């Protein structure tokens, strides 16, 4: 450090008063001290931030635990109900692969979408009707993922990625677009775009092994009739449910099902009688039981409640003839009894 003698010498050489040089030295010391304080405060603030952790309660209040479901092949992933599709997307790749892509231990649950969380990320994957024209993160950019048309939008909070798996007209009952959303739970999410693309590629490979294409869908939702082995409708693709309904209608009516008219929307009409499956229905007000299940019978037809939820899955029958008796014959095989 300079001594008073040194400052006098400097002042003589530069013709500047000694107090100016002393002031400069003092200013430098104060600046260094201030920088030190800023650094210390920053470090303390960082240390005060709580460490991100996984939720302690899982599944969440709005989620459902994973359960065994049949895995689709071909294009049939685009024809599942929302809850079945969510279960499938959560399970078509191993948990270890989820953790590799997302960068840490991962919790999974189903619902309207496959929902995954890590200590730092909140992720959803679901099948939707069409590519979005815009997103909550702004106008998406067109790209390709796994050789398929996609749109992507990214900001500091995360990434929204949608990939068209099957080319079909929107709003015809199919859900041909995979949407993956990644956002941070506590902080910004660098690398979210890369993670979203990697996850989409893995899900597409898992959910679309070689298999059948979607049936051709007409303007009114009609599809060609295909003979299908009898079996339960639970977790089956919508057109397969339609074909199963056609088969059971024919057996219950005692007529060939060759002239049955299936639609993509899990329904079939034969000889003036329509059987219709719904994953989400208006509330059933039971008036009787059919096949041991709550059922509502009135002038509109018969509605059989398939789950404990009155607003949940139903089978509806309408048309001519003894509909309660018809339902008694059809419901057990359609539930795998």
Foldseek 3Di string as FASTA:
>chain_A
DDDPVRLVVVCVVVVHDSVVVVVVVVVVVVVVVVVVVVVVVVVVVVVPDDQQADDPDPPDPQWAAADDADAAAAQLLQQWPQQLNQSNLLPLDDQVVVCVLVVHRKDWTTHSFIWIDGSWKTKTKTFAFDADCADPQGGWDWDAAPNFIKTKHDDQFAIKIKTQQDDDDGPLNTRRIMIMTMGTPPGGDPPRVVSRRVSVNSSCCRRYHHDDDDFDQDPNQWGDADADDFAAPPRGGQQVLQNNVLVLLCVLVVHDSNPWIGGSQNKIDDPFKIKHKDQFAPFADFPDAALNFGWDQDPQFIWTDDDPGRGGIIITMGGDDDRSSSCNSRVCRNRVD
